[in-house]
Amino acid sequence: MSRYSDYNAPFWETEKPVVFPAGRNVIRHYPNSGWVVAHQADHVGRDSEVRPGRGVGIDLLSLRKDQQGLDRLIKILEQLIEI
């Protein structure tokens, strides 16, 4: 149960992500809220629930307003394609 009302709840509690396995990582895309989060591999917690590993997110909606940051992200992703 969430400690937030639906209006104030974080996107990861209210939105089901599109999940992409990525080697030792997991990418979760939350299209409605505009976030992409790269996590370490999922693990089983002490309560036997599957939990995501630590993650780092990118707010795509904010990045859309920063052309220089967006260009830099595109270059990074293009380099991954070449590897």
Protein backbone atom coordinates (compact mmCIF):
# COMPACT_ATOMS: atom_id res chain seq x y z
CA MET A 1 0.00 0.00 0.00
CA SER A 2 1.32 3.39 -0.96
CA ARG A 3 1.75 6.17 1.56
CA TYR A 4 0.77 8.68 -1.14
CA SER A 5 -2.56 9.65 -2.63
CA ASP A 6 -2.75 8.76 -6.33
CA TYR A 7 -2.25 12.42 -7.22
CA ASN A 8 1.03 12.71 -5.28
CA ALA A 9 2.32 9.17 -5.80
CA PRO A 10 5.63 8.65 -7.60
CA PHE A 11 5.35 7.46 -11.21
CA TRP A 12 6.91 4.07 -10.39
CA GLU A 13 4.03 3.35 -8.00
CA THR A 14 1.22 4.40 -10.33
CA GLU A 15 2.44 3.40 -13.78
CA LYS A 16 3.33 -0.05 -15.13
CA PRO A 17 6.62 0.26 -17.04
CA VAL A 18 7.65 -1.29 -20.32
CA VAL A 19 10.57 -3.51 -19.25
CA PHE A 20 13.62 -4.29 -21.41
CA PRO A 21 16.25 -6.76 -20.16
CA ALA A 22 19.69 -5.34 -20.95
CA GLY A 23 22.40 -7.83 -20.02
CA ARG A 24 23.11 -7.41 -16.32
CA ASN A 25 20.74 -4.43 -16.20
CA VAL A 26 17.04 -3.80 -16.65
CA ILE A 27 15.64 -0.76 -18.48
CA ARG A 28 12.19 0.43 -17.46
CA HIS A 29 10.33 2.97 -19.61
CA TYR A 30 7.41 4.85 -18.08
CA PRO A 31 5.84 6.40 -21.20
CA ASN A 32 2.99 8.28 -19.49
CA SER A 33 5.29 10.12 -17.11
CA GLY A 34 8.20 10.47 -19.55
CA TRP A 35 10.89 8.63 -17.57
CA VAL A 36 13.45 5.98 -18.50
CA VAL A 37 15.20 4.23 -15.61
CA ALA A 38 18.23 1.92 -15.89
CA HIS A 39 18.40 -0.53 -12.99
CA GLN A 40 20.83 -3.11 -11.77
CA ALA A 41 19.38 -6.62 -12.03
CA ASP A 42 16.22 -7.37 -10.07
CA HIS A 43 16.68 -9.25 -6.80
CA VAL A 44 14.52 -11.03 -4.24
CA GLY A 45 14.05 -9.02 -1.06
CA ARG A 46 13.85 -10.27 2.52
CA ASP A 47 10.08 -10.50 2.17
CA SER A 48 10.48 -12.80 -0.90
CA GLU A 49 9.22 -10.05 -3.22
CA VAL A 50 11.09 -9.35 -6.47
CA ARG A 51 12.55 -5.86 -6.26
CA PRO A 52 14.35 -3.74 -8.84
CA GLY A 53 18.03 -3.06 -8.27
CA ARG A 54 19.26 0.47 -7.75
CA GLY A 55 18.42 2.69 -10.65
CA VAL A 56 19.20 5.96 -12.36
CA GLY A 57 16.48 7.79 -14.23
CA ILE A 58 16.28 10.26 -17.08
CA ASP A 59 13.34 12.66 -17.21
CA LEU A 60 12.70 12.70 -20.96
CA LEU A 61 10.12 15.50 -20.76
CA SER A 62 12.64 17.85 -19.14
CA LEU A 63 15.41 16.73 -21.48
CA ARG A 64 13.21 17.61 -24.45
CA LYS A 65 13.58 21.28 -23.41
CA ASP A 66 17.40 21.03 -23.36
CA GLN A 67 18.61 20.58 -26.94
CA GLN A 68 22.28 20.36 -25.96
CA GLY A 69 21.55 17.63 -23.39
CA LEU A 70 19.34 15.79 -25.86
CA ASP A 71 22.02 15.91 -28.57
CA ARG A 72 24.57 14.54 -26.10
CA LEU A 73 22.27 11.66 -25.09
CA ILE A 74 21.66 10.81 -28.76
CA LYS A 75 25.43 10.66 -29.37
CA ILE A 76 25.89 8.34 -26.39
CA LEU A 77 23.16 6.02 -27.65
CA GLU A 78 24.61 6.05 -31.17
CA GLN A 79 27.98 4.97 -29.73
CA LEU A 80 26.28 2.01 -28.07
CA ILE A 81 24.89 0.91 -31.43
CA GLU A 82 28.43 0.90 -32.90
CA ILE A 83 29.87 -1.33 -30.14
